N, C-alpha and C. Protein backbone atom coordinates (compact mmCIF):
# COMPACT_ATOMS: atom_id res chain seq x y z
N MET A 1 116.64 49.48 17.19
CA MET A 1 115.39 50.18 17.30
C MET A 1 115.24 51.26 16.18
N ASN A 2 114.17 51.18 15.42
CA ASN A 2 114.03 52.17 14.36
C ASN A 2 113.30 53.42 14.90
N ILE A 3 113.16 54.40 13.97
CA ILE A 3 112.58 55.65 14.34
C ILE A 3 111.06 55.50 14.82
N PHE A 4 110.41 54.57 14.15
CA PHE A 4 108.96 54.31 14.51
C PHE A 4 108.91 53.79 15.97
N ASP A 5 109.85 52.80 16.34
CA ASP A 5 109.83 52.28 17.69
C ASP A 5 110.23 53.35 18.74
N THR A 6 111.16 54.19 18.37
CA THR A 6 111.53 55.32 19.21
C THR A 6 110.37 56.20 19.52
N LYS A 7 109.69 56.60 18.56
CA LYS A 7 108.50 57.51 18.65
C LYS A 7 107.43 56.76 19.47
N LYS A 8 107.26 55.54 19.28
CA LYS A 8 106.20 54.79 20.04
C LYS A 8 106.54 54.73 21.52
N LEU A 9 107.79 54.47 21.85
CA LEU A 9 108.24 54.38 23.22
C LEU A 9 108.16 55.74 23.88
N ILE A 10 108.51 56.77 23.22
CA ILE A 10 108.42 58.23 23.76
C ILE A 10 106.92 58.41 24.08
N SER A 11 106.04 58.05 23.13
CA SER A 11 104.61 58.41 23.32
C SER A 11 104.04 57.67 24.51
N GLU A 12 104.54 56.47 24.73
CA GLU A 12 104.05 55.66 25.88
C GLU A 12 104.53 56.23 27.17
N GLN A 13 105.82 56.72 27.24
CA GLN A 13 106.39 57.12 28.54
C GLN A 13 106.16 58.57 28.87
N PHE A 14 105.94 59.41 27.88
CA PHE A 14 105.84 60.83 28.17
C PHE A 14 104.41 61.30 28.13
N ASN A 15 103.79 61.72 29.19
CA ASN A 15 102.43 62.09 29.26
C ASN A 15 102.31 63.63 29.31
N ALA A 16 102.42 64.30 28.12
CA ALA A 16 102.22 65.73 28.01
C ALA A 16 101.82 65.97 26.46
N ASN A 17 101.46 67.17 26.28
CA ASN A 17 101.19 67.55 24.82
C ASN A 17 102.40 67.81 24.12
N PHE A 18 102.57 67.18 23.03
CA PHE A 18 103.67 67.35 22.12
C PHE A 18 103.34 66.91 20.73
N SER A 19 104.23 67.22 19.82
CA SER A 19 103.96 66.74 18.40
C SER A 19 105.26 66.30 17.84
N PHE A 20 105.28 65.31 16.91
CA PHE A 20 106.45 64.76 16.26
C PHE A 20 106.55 65.32 14.87
N TYR A 21 107.79 65.47 14.38
CA TYR A 21 108.02 65.63 12.96
C TYR A 21 109.33 64.94 12.71
N GLU A 22 109.57 64.52 11.51
CA GLU A 22 110.82 63.79 11.22
C GLU A 22 111.28 63.99 9.82
N ASN A 23 112.58 63.66 9.68
CA ASN A 23 113.16 63.55 8.30
C ASN A 23 114.12 62.36 8.43
N ASP A 24 114.96 62.20 7.32
CA ASP A 24 115.82 60.99 7.29
C ASP A 24 117.05 61.14 8.26
N LYS A 25 117.27 62.34 8.86
CA LYS A 25 118.38 62.52 9.77
C LYS A 25 118.04 62.47 11.27
N TYR A 26 116.86 62.95 11.64
CA TYR A 26 116.48 62.98 13.05
C TYR A 26 115.02 62.95 13.22
N ILE A 27 114.60 62.71 14.53
CA ILE A 27 113.19 62.90 14.96
C ILE A 27 113.14 64.30 15.59
N GLY A 28 112.07 64.96 15.35
CA GLY A 28 111.83 66.28 15.96
C GLY A 28 110.59 66.19 16.90
N ILE A 29 110.71 66.91 18.01
CA ILE A 29 109.59 66.95 18.88
C ILE A 29 109.36 68.38 19.39
N VAL A 30 108.10 68.83 19.28
CA VAL A 30 107.78 70.20 19.75
C VAL A 30 107.03 70.11 21.10
N LEU A 31 107.62 70.85 22.04
CA LEU A 31 107.08 70.80 23.38
C LEU A 31 106.81 72.21 23.94
N ASP A 32 106.02 72.28 25.01
CA ASP A 32 105.82 73.53 25.78
C ASP A 32 107.12 73.66 26.60
N LYS A 33 107.48 74.95 26.91
CA LYS A 33 108.78 75.22 27.62
C LYS A 33 108.71 74.56 28.97
N SER A 34 107.59 74.39 29.64
CA SER A 34 107.57 73.82 31.00
C SER A 34 107.87 72.37 30.98
N ASP A 35 107.83 71.62 29.80
CA ASP A 35 108.05 70.23 29.68
C ASP A 35 109.48 69.88 29.33
N ILE A 36 110.34 70.85 28.97
CA ILE A 36 111.63 70.59 28.41
C ILE A 36 112.44 69.81 29.36
N LEU A 37 112.64 70.25 30.54
CA LEU A 37 113.57 69.58 31.54
C LEU A 37 113.14 68.10 31.81
N ARG A 38 111.80 67.96 32.03
CA ARG A 38 111.32 66.61 32.27
C ARG A 38 111.50 65.69 31.09
N PHE A 39 111.25 66.24 29.94
CA PHE A 39 111.41 65.37 28.70
C PHE A 39 112.89 64.96 28.44
N ILE A 40 113.74 65.94 28.54
CA ILE A 40 115.22 65.60 28.28
C ILE A 40 115.73 64.63 29.35
N ASP A 41 115.25 64.76 30.50
CA ASP A 41 115.64 63.81 31.64
C ASP A 41 115.10 62.39 31.29
N LEU A 42 113.86 62.38 30.83
CA LEU A 42 113.20 61.08 30.46
C LEU A 42 113.94 60.27 29.35
N ILE A 43 114.25 61.03 28.28
CA ILE A 43 114.86 60.33 27.12
C ILE A 43 116.32 59.90 27.40
N LYS A 44 116.95 60.57 28.43
CA LYS A 44 118.28 60.12 28.81
C LYS A 44 118.16 58.92 29.69
N ASP A 45 117.17 58.81 30.55
CA ASP A 45 117.02 57.72 31.52
C ASP A 45 116.48 56.42 31.00
N ILE A 46 115.71 56.52 29.95
CA ILE A 46 115.15 55.28 29.36
C ILE A 46 116.29 54.47 28.72
N LYS A 47 116.53 53.33 29.29
CA LYS A 47 117.68 52.48 28.85
C LYS A 47 117.64 52.12 27.39
N LEU A 48 116.41 51.95 26.85
CA LEU A 48 116.31 51.49 25.41
C LEU A 48 116.69 52.66 24.39
N LEU A 49 116.50 53.91 24.93
CA LEU A 49 116.80 55.03 24.14
C LEU A 49 118.22 55.60 24.36
N SER A 50 118.50 55.94 25.59
CA SER A 50 119.80 56.50 25.92
C SER A 50 120.23 57.70 25.07
N PHE A 51 119.36 58.69 24.97
CA PHE A 51 119.74 59.99 24.38
C PHE A 51 120.55 60.76 25.44
N ASN A 52 121.85 60.43 25.47
CA ASN A 52 122.64 60.93 26.53
C ASN A 52 123.80 61.79 26.17
N GLN A 53 123.78 62.28 24.84
CA GLN A 53 124.85 63.16 24.49
C GLN A 53 124.21 64.51 23.93
N LEU A 54 124.40 65.54 24.57
CA LEU A 54 123.86 66.85 24.12
C LEU A 54 124.91 67.32 23.01
N ILE A 55 124.34 67.63 21.85
CA ILE A 55 125.16 68.15 20.77
C ILE A 55 125.21 69.63 20.66
N ASP A 56 124.03 70.23 20.87
CA ASP A 56 123.95 71.71 20.77
C ASP A 56 122.65 72.23 21.29
N ILE A 57 122.67 73.52 21.72
CA ILE A 57 121.47 74.23 21.99
C ILE A 57 121.53 75.55 21.19
N SER A 58 120.51 75.87 20.46
CA SER A 58 120.56 77.11 19.70
C SER A 58 119.17 77.67 19.56
N ALA A 59 119.02 78.79 18.86
CA ALA A 59 117.75 79.52 18.77
C ALA A 59 117.66 80.14 17.40
N VAL A 60 116.37 80.48 17.10
CA VAL A 60 116.11 81.30 15.87
C VAL A 60 115.19 82.48 16.29
N ASP A 61 115.45 83.68 15.78
CA ASP A 61 114.67 84.85 16.23
C ASP A 61 113.68 85.13 15.11
N TYR A 62 112.41 85.28 15.61
CA TYR A 62 111.30 85.76 14.70
C TYR A 62 110.69 86.95 15.41
N PRO A 63 111.26 88.17 15.14
CA PRO A 63 110.82 89.39 15.95
C PRO A 63 109.40 89.79 15.77
N SER A 64 108.73 89.33 14.62
CA SER A 64 107.36 89.74 14.41
C SER A 64 106.36 88.88 15.16
N ARG A 65 106.80 87.74 15.68
CA ARG A 65 105.86 86.83 16.43
C ARG A 65 105.73 87.16 17.82
N GLU A 66 104.70 86.72 18.49
CA GLU A 66 104.48 86.85 19.86
C GLU A 66 105.52 85.94 20.63
N PHE A 67 105.57 84.68 20.22
CA PHE A 67 106.57 83.73 20.69
C PHE A 67 107.88 83.98 19.80
N ARG A 68 108.70 84.86 20.24
CA ARG A 68 109.73 85.46 19.36
C ARG A 68 110.82 84.42 19.04
N PHE A 69 111.19 83.55 20.00
CA PHE A 69 112.26 82.60 19.79
C PHE A 69 111.84 81.14 19.75
N ASP A 70 112.38 80.43 18.76
CA ASP A 70 112.39 78.98 18.78
C ASP A 70 113.74 78.51 19.35
N VAL A 71 113.66 77.76 20.39
CA VAL A 71 114.89 77.19 20.99
C VAL A 71 114.99 75.69 20.67
N PHE A 72 116.16 75.26 20.24
CA PHE A 72 116.43 73.88 19.88
C PHE A 72 117.47 73.25 20.66
N TYR A 73 117.15 71.96 21.06
CA TYR A 73 118.12 71.10 21.81
C TYR A 73 118.37 69.95 20.81
N LEU A 74 119.60 69.75 20.47
CA LEU A 74 119.95 68.57 19.64
C LEU A 74 120.64 67.52 20.49
N ILE A 75 119.99 66.37 20.59
CA ILE A 75 120.57 65.30 21.48
C ILE A 75 120.73 64.04 20.69
N SER A 76 121.80 63.29 20.97
CA SER A 76 122.13 62.09 20.24
C SER A 76 122.12 60.81 21.16
N SER A 77 121.79 59.79 20.55
CA SER A 77 121.85 58.44 21.20
C SER A 77 122.90 57.67 20.41
N LEU A 78 124.02 57.36 21.05
CA LEU A 78 125.04 56.60 20.35
C LEU A 78 124.56 55.17 20.31
N LYS A 79 123.80 54.72 21.22
CA LYS A 79 123.26 53.34 21.31
C LYS A 79 122.42 53.04 20.09
N LEU A 80 121.50 54.03 19.75
CA LEU A 80 120.60 53.81 18.60
C LEU A 80 121.14 54.39 17.26
N ASN A 81 122.21 55.22 17.35
CA ASN A 81 122.64 55.99 16.24
C ASN A 81 121.56 56.83 15.67
N GLN A 82 120.89 57.50 16.62
CA GLN A 82 119.82 58.47 16.22
C GLN A 82 119.93 59.80 16.89
N ARG A 83 119.39 60.74 16.34
CA ARG A 83 119.26 62.16 16.93
C ARG A 83 117.86 62.56 17.17
N ILE A 84 117.71 63.37 18.22
CA ILE A 84 116.37 63.95 18.41
C ILE A 84 116.54 65.45 18.51
N LEU A 85 115.65 66.20 17.95
CA LEU A 85 115.74 67.65 17.98
C LEU A 85 114.44 68.13 18.82
N VAL A 86 114.72 68.62 20.00
CA VAL A 86 113.63 69.11 20.88
C VAL A 86 113.53 70.59 20.68
N LYS A 87 112.28 71.00 20.39
CA LYS A 87 112.03 72.41 20.01
C LYS A 87 110.89 72.98 20.89
N THR A 88 111.13 74.23 21.35
CA THR A 88 110.08 74.95 22.01
C THR A 88 110.13 76.40 21.65
N SER A 89 108.96 77.06 21.75
CA SER A 89 108.88 78.47 21.43
C SER A 89 108.61 79.27 22.63
N ILE A 90 109.31 80.38 22.79
CA ILE A 90 109.17 81.28 23.97
C ILE A 90 108.98 82.72 23.66
N LYS A 91 108.40 83.51 24.56
CA LYS A 91 108.35 84.93 24.33
C LYS A 91 109.67 85.59 24.70
N GLU A 92 109.75 86.80 24.34
CA GLU A 92 111.07 87.58 24.57
C GLU A 92 111.44 87.56 26.05
N GLN A 93 110.48 87.72 26.95
CA GLN A 93 110.84 87.87 28.35
C GLN A 93 110.78 86.58 29.12
N ASP A 94 110.45 85.46 28.46
CA ASP A 94 110.40 84.19 29.11
C ASP A 94 111.75 83.56 29.49
N ASN A 95 111.82 82.83 30.53
CA ASN A 95 112.98 82.15 30.92
C ASN A 95 112.76 80.67 30.64
N LEU A 96 113.85 79.89 30.37
CA LEU A 96 113.84 78.47 30.22
C LEU A 96 114.60 77.90 31.42
N GLU A 97 114.11 76.70 31.87
CA GLU A 97 114.83 76.08 32.90
C GLU A 97 116.18 75.42 32.41
N SER A 98 117.30 75.67 33.10
CA SER A 98 118.54 75.15 32.66
C SER A 98 118.56 73.61 32.73
N ILE A 99 119.13 72.98 31.80
CA ILE A 99 119.29 71.52 31.74
C ILE A 99 120.62 71.02 32.27
N ILE A 100 121.41 71.93 32.85
CA ILE A 100 122.72 71.52 33.38
C ILE A 100 122.67 70.37 34.33
N PRO A 101 121.63 70.19 35.27
CA PRO A 101 121.59 69.06 36.04
C PRO A 101 121.52 67.68 35.26
N ILE A 102 121.10 67.74 34.04
CA ILE A 102 120.92 66.56 33.24
C ILE A 102 122.19 66.41 32.38
N HIS A 103 122.59 67.48 31.63
CA HIS A 103 123.74 67.49 30.80
C HIS A 103 124.66 68.62 31.17
N ILE A 104 125.77 68.36 31.80
CA ILE A 104 126.72 69.41 32.22
C ILE A 104 127.26 70.18 31.11
N SER A 105 127.32 69.59 29.87
CA SER A 105 127.80 70.31 28.75
C SER A 105 126.86 71.50 28.27
N ALA A 106 125.70 71.52 28.83
CA ALA A 106 124.76 72.60 28.51
C ALA A 106 125.16 74.00 29.00
N ASP A 107 126.13 73.99 29.93
CA ASP A 107 126.59 75.20 30.57
C ASP A 107 126.96 76.24 29.45
N TRP A 108 127.99 75.89 28.64
CA TRP A 108 128.38 76.90 27.68
C TRP A 108 127.37 77.20 26.56
N TYR A 109 126.64 76.11 26.25
CA TYR A 109 125.53 76.33 25.10
C TYR A 109 124.55 77.32 25.67
N GLU A 110 124.11 77.19 26.83
CA GLU A 110 123.11 78.12 27.39
C GLU A 110 123.69 79.54 27.58
N ARG A 111 124.99 79.62 27.93
CA ARG A 111 125.60 80.97 27.97
C ARG A 111 125.71 81.63 26.65
N GLU A 112 125.90 80.80 25.62
CA GLU A 112 125.97 81.30 24.23
C GLU A 112 124.59 81.74 23.76
N CYS A 113 123.54 81.07 24.11
CA CYS A 113 122.19 81.58 23.74
C CYS A 113 121.82 82.85 24.49
N TYR A 114 122.25 82.95 25.72
CA TYR A 114 122.06 84.18 26.50
C TYR A 114 122.82 85.34 25.89
N ASP A 115 124.07 85.12 25.54
CA ASP A 115 124.92 86.13 24.98
C ASP A 115 124.46 86.60 23.64
N LEU A 116 124.15 85.70 22.73
CA LEU A 116 123.82 86.11 21.34
C LEU A 116 122.37 86.40 21.11
N PHE A 117 121.40 85.82 21.88
CA PHE A 117 120.03 86.09 21.70
C PHE A 117 119.36 86.78 22.86
N GLY A 118 119.96 86.76 24.07
CA GLY A 118 119.32 87.30 25.30
C GLY A 118 118.32 86.41 25.93
N ILE A 119 118.42 85.09 25.60
CA ILE A 119 117.50 84.08 26.18
C ILE A 119 118.09 83.75 27.64
N LYS A 120 117.28 83.89 28.66
CA LYS A 120 117.75 83.59 30.02
C LYS A 120 117.34 82.22 30.43
N PHE A 121 118.30 81.52 31.19
CA PHE A 121 118.03 80.20 31.68
C PHE A 121 118.03 80.29 33.20
N SER A 122 116.91 79.89 33.79
CA SER A 122 116.83 80.03 35.25
C SER A 122 117.54 78.82 35.84
N ASN A 123 118.13 79.00 37.09
CA ASN A 123 118.98 78.04 37.80
C ASN A 123 120.32 77.69 37.06
N HIS A 124 120.71 78.54 36.19
CA HIS A 124 122.06 78.42 35.60
C HIS A 124 123.06 78.91 36.57
N PRO A 125 124.13 78.19 36.90
CA PRO A 125 125.06 78.61 37.96
C PRO A 125 125.95 79.84 37.54
N ASP A 126 126.07 80.21 36.23
CA ASP A 126 126.95 81.26 35.89
C ASP A 126 126.57 81.87 34.55
N LEU A 127 125.37 82.41 34.52
CA LEU A 127 124.87 82.94 33.20
C LEU A 127 125.45 84.32 33.00
N ARG A 128 126.53 84.36 32.24
CA ARG A 128 127.11 85.57 31.79
C ARG A 128 127.62 85.51 30.32
N ARG A 129 128.00 86.50 29.71
CA ARG A 129 128.49 86.53 28.33
C ARG A 129 129.65 85.55 28.13
N ILE A 130 129.66 84.89 26.97
CA ILE A 130 130.76 84.00 26.75
C ILE A 130 131.50 84.29 25.46
N MET A 131 130.84 84.91 24.58
CA MET A 131 131.48 85.17 23.14
C MET A 131 131.73 86.70 22.96
N THR A 132 130.99 87.58 23.53
CA THR A 132 131.18 88.95 23.36
C THR A 132 131.79 89.55 24.63
N ASP A 133 132.23 90.83 24.50
CA ASP A 133 132.83 91.49 25.61
C ASP A 133 131.83 91.76 26.76
N TYR A 134 132.20 91.85 28.01
CA TYR A 134 131.29 91.97 29.14
C TYR A 134 130.54 93.40 29.00
N ASN A 135 131.14 94.39 28.36
CA ASN A 135 130.50 95.69 28.20
C ASN A 135 129.66 95.71 26.88
N PHE A 136 129.55 94.63 26.18
CA PHE A 136 128.91 94.63 24.86
C PHE A 136 127.41 95.06 25.05
N ASP A 137 126.92 95.82 24.15
CA ASP A 137 125.52 96.25 24.24
C ASP A 137 124.69 95.61 23.26
N GLY A 138 123.66 94.81 23.77
CA GLY A 138 122.76 94.13 22.90
C GLY A 138 123.10 92.67 22.62
N HIS A 139 122.35 92.03 21.77
CA HIS A 139 122.60 90.61 21.51
C HIS A 139 122.70 90.47 20.02
N PRO A 140 123.80 90.11 19.44
CA PRO A 140 124.12 90.25 17.98
C PRO A 140 123.38 89.25 17.05
N LEU A 141 122.71 88.19 17.55
CA LEU A 141 122.04 87.34 16.61
C LEU A 141 120.56 87.64 16.58
N ARG A 142 120.11 88.66 17.25
CA ARG A 142 118.70 89.08 17.12
C ARG A 142 118.58 89.75 15.78
N LYS A 143 117.44 89.65 15.20
CA LYS A 143 117.23 90.27 13.84
C LYS A 143 117.21 91.78 13.90
N ASP A 144 116.93 92.36 15.07
CA ASP A 144 116.84 93.80 15.20
C ASP A 144 118.15 94.46 15.65
N PHE A 145 119.24 93.64 15.68
CA PHE A 145 120.47 94.19 16.07
C PHE A 145 121.17 94.87 14.86
N PRO A 146 121.64 96.09 14.97
CA PRO A 146 122.21 96.78 13.78
C PRO A 146 123.46 96.06 13.15
N LEU A 147 123.60 96.06 11.87
CA LEU A 147 124.74 95.34 11.27
C LEU A 147 126.07 95.93 11.74
N THR A 148 126.13 97.22 11.93
CA THR A 148 127.34 97.90 12.35
C THR A 148 127.60 97.69 13.89
N GLY A 149 126.61 97.27 14.62
CA GLY A 149 126.82 97.25 16.05
C GLY A 149 126.61 98.65 16.65
N HIS A 150 126.84 98.71 18.00
CA HIS A 150 126.59 99.96 18.70
C HIS A 150 127.91 100.67 18.92
N ASN A 151 128.99 99.88 19.32
CA ASN A 151 130.27 100.45 19.67
C ASN A 151 131.35 99.80 18.83
N GLU A 152 132.43 100.55 18.71
CA GLU A 152 133.61 99.98 18.10
C GLU A 152 134.75 100.08 19.19
N VAL A 153 135.63 99.11 19.20
CA VAL A 153 136.61 98.99 20.13
C VAL A 153 138.04 99.10 19.47
N ARG A 154 138.86 99.88 20.00
CA ARG A 154 140.19 100.08 19.44
C ARG A 154 141.20 100.35 20.55
N TYR A 155 142.43 100.10 20.29
CA TYR A 155 143.55 100.45 21.25
C TYR A 155 144.03 101.81 20.88
N ASP A 156 144.08 102.76 21.88
CA ASP A 156 144.55 104.10 21.73
C ASP A 156 145.97 104.13 22.21
N ASP A 157 146.91 104.49 21.27
CA ASP A 157 148.30 104.58 21.56
C ASP A 157 148.65 105.73 22.59
N LEU A 158 147.92 106.79 22.50
CA LEU A 158 148.19 107.96 23.40
C LEU A 158 147.81 107.58 24.79
N GLU A 159 146.52 107.04 25.02
CA GLU A 159 146.08 106.68 26.27
C GLU A 159 146.55 105.39 26.76
N LYS A 160 147.13 104.56 25.92
CA LYS A 160 147.69 103.24 26.23
C LYS A 160 146.57 102.29 26.84
N LYS A 161 145.44 102.40 26.29
CA LYS A 161 144.34 101.53 26.75
C LYS A 161 143.34 101.23 25.61
N ILE A 162 142.46 100.35 25.86
CA ILE A 162 141.35 100.06 24.96
C ILE A 162 140.30 101.07 25.11
N VAL A 163 139.81 101.61 24.03
CA VAL A 163 138.79 102.64 24.00
C VAL A 163 137.56 102.21 23.35
N TYR A 164 136.43 102.49 23.94
CA TYR A 164 135.07 102.19 23.39
C TYR A 164 134.52 103.48 22.70
N GLU A 165 134.07 103.45 21.46
CA GLU A 165 133.59 104.63 20.88
C GLU A 165 132.24 104.24 20.14
N ASN A 166 131.28 105.17 20.01
CA ASN A 166 130.13 104.91 19.30
C ASN A 166 130.55 104.72 17.75
N VAL A 167 129.77 103.84 17.10
CA VAL A 167 130.04 103.64 15.67
C VAL A 167 129.62 104.82 14.89
N ASN A 168 130.47 105.35 14.09
CA ASN A 168 130.17 106.53 13.31
C ASN A 168 130.67 106.29 11.80
N LEU A 169 129.73 105.72 11.04
CA LEU A 169 130.14 105.43 9.67
C LEU A 169 129.55 106.47 8.75
N THR A 170 130.46 107.27 8.23
CA THR A 170 130.04 108.31 7.29
C THR A 170 130.30 107.82 5.89
N GLN A 171 129.46 108.08 4.99
CA GLN A 171 129.65 107.68 3.57
C GLN A 171 129.13 108.78 2.68
N GLU A 172 129.91 108.94 1.60
CA GLU A 172 129.57 109.94 0.60
C GLU A 172 128.28 109.58 -0.10
N TYR A 173 127.55 110.52 -0.57
CA TYR A 173 126.42 110.26 -1.41
C TYR A 173 126.77 109.75 -2.70
N ARG A 174 126.19 108.59 -3.04
CA ARG A 174 126.48 108.03 -4.39
C ARG A 174 125.31 107.98 -5.26
N ASP A 175 125.35 108.30 -6.43
CA ASP A 175 124.20 108.20 -7.38
C ASP A 175 124.38 106.96 -8.20
N PHE A 176 123.53 106.01 -7.99
CA PHE A 176 123.62 104.76 -8.72
C PHE A 176 122.86 104.81 -10.02
N ASP A 177 123.49 104.33 -11.08
CA ASP A 177 122.73 104.26 -12.35
C ASP A 177 122.40 102.82 -12.63
N TYR A 178 121.08 102.53 -12.55
CA TYR A 178 120.68 101.14 -12.57
C TYR A 178 120.33 100.62 -14.01
N GLN A 179 120.83 101.44 -15.03
CA GLN A 179 120.65 100.95 -16.40
C GLN A 179 121.45 99.73 -16.71
N SER A 180 120.92 98.99 -17.68
CA SER A 180 121.72 97.84 -18.12
C SER A 180 122.97 98.40 -18.86
N PRO A 181 124.10 97.65 -18.71
CA PRO A 181 125.31 98.11 -19.40
C PRO A 181 125.11 98.20 -20.92
N TRP A 182 124.05 97.55 -21.49
CA TRP A 182 123.86 97.57 -22.94
C TRP A 182 123.00 98.70 -23.32
N GLU A 183 122.34 99.37 -22.37
CA GLU A 183 121.53 100.48 -22.72
C GLU A 183 122.20 101.84 -22.51
N GLY A 184 121.97 102.85 -23.34
CA GLY A 184 122.43 104.16 -23.12
C GLY A 184 123.93 104.41 -23.48
N LEU A 185 124.60 103.42 -23.97
CA LEU A 185 125.94 103.59 -24.33
C LEU A 185 126.03 103.87 -25.87
N ASP A 186 127.03 104.71 -26.19
CA ASP A 186 127.19 104.94 -27.65
C ASP A 186 127.97 103.66 -28.17
N ASN A 187 127.48 103.29 -29.33
CA ASN A 187 128.03 102.01 -29.94
C ASN A 187 129.15 102.54 -30.91
N GLN A 188 130.37 102.52 -30.42
CA GLN A 188 131.46 103.02 -31.20
C GLN A 188 132.40 101.88 -31.40
N LEU A 189 132.23 101.16 -32.45
CA LEU A 189 133.17 100.07 -32.69
C LEU A 189 134.37 100.57 -33.52
N ILE A 190 135.57 100.23 -32.90
CA ILE A 190 136.74 100.60 -33.57
C ILE A 190 136.86 99.94 -34.88
N GLY A 191 137.22 100.67 -35.97
CA GLY A 191 137.35 100.08 -37.34
C GLY A 191 136.05 100.08 -38.05
N ASP A 192 134.95 100.57 -37.45
CA ASP A 192 133.69 100.49 -38.13
C ASP A 192 133.29 101.94 -38.58
N GLU A 193 134.24 102.86 -38.78
CA GLU A 193 133.96 104.23 -39.19
C GLU A 193 133.38 104.27 -40.56
N LYS A 194 133.73 103.36 -41.56
CA LYS A 194 133.18 103.38 -42.82
C LYS A 194 131.69 103.09 -42.93
N ALA A 195 131.16 102.36 -41.95
CA ALA A 195 129.73 102.01 -41.96
C ALA A 195 128.93 103.23 -41.78
N ASN A 196 129.44 104.23 -41.00
CA ASN A 196 128.70 105.44 -40.73
C ASN A 196 128.81 106.53 -41.74
N LYS A 197 129.73 106.43 -42.67
CA LYS A 197 129.95 107.42 -43.68
C LYS A 197 128.85 107.40 -44.75
N LYS A 198 128.40 108.55 -45.20
CA LYS A 198 127.39 108.66 -46.14
C LYS A 198 128.09 108.55 -47.55
N SER A 199 127.56 107.70 -48.38
CA SER A 199 128.28 107.56 -49.76
C SER A 199 127.68 108.46 -50.76
């Protein structure tokens, strides 16, 4: 089954508003967040498609938009040797329905999205941080997260325990000279003293 047949079958079976886009590697589909669970269940159950291997769930942060996050589900069909990228856009406070009932492997992917972006998945059995420390402040893949972070962690030999401290990066004032290296330099060529002598 080629990409055209896959798109046709999905269009016939799925009755909701969506749009397709594609390239030579995958088919992309843009859906409303309320249709994600139903759509992923459908493309897994249709025997001709068998999109039954979840590859990844990730997100992109656009802090200036009302719908701040684009969330992506990458799913593969070994039967067709095709991939489908399911995309939805959500607001910062929106929740997405967990797809763990369809793909058990979504457990850690959804936890990763929660930890790094702050995206919450309703009906997730164990939605807690997976990559950062439990006391971590903020979500490090958001565009408004400071590059230095909020806290630094170190082991204190005197107290014999791990200590959390506020990040305090002091830096000397530096005066940068943005001139070209070819401008403003004295041209003193060694061995060229005779050229400057007056005869």
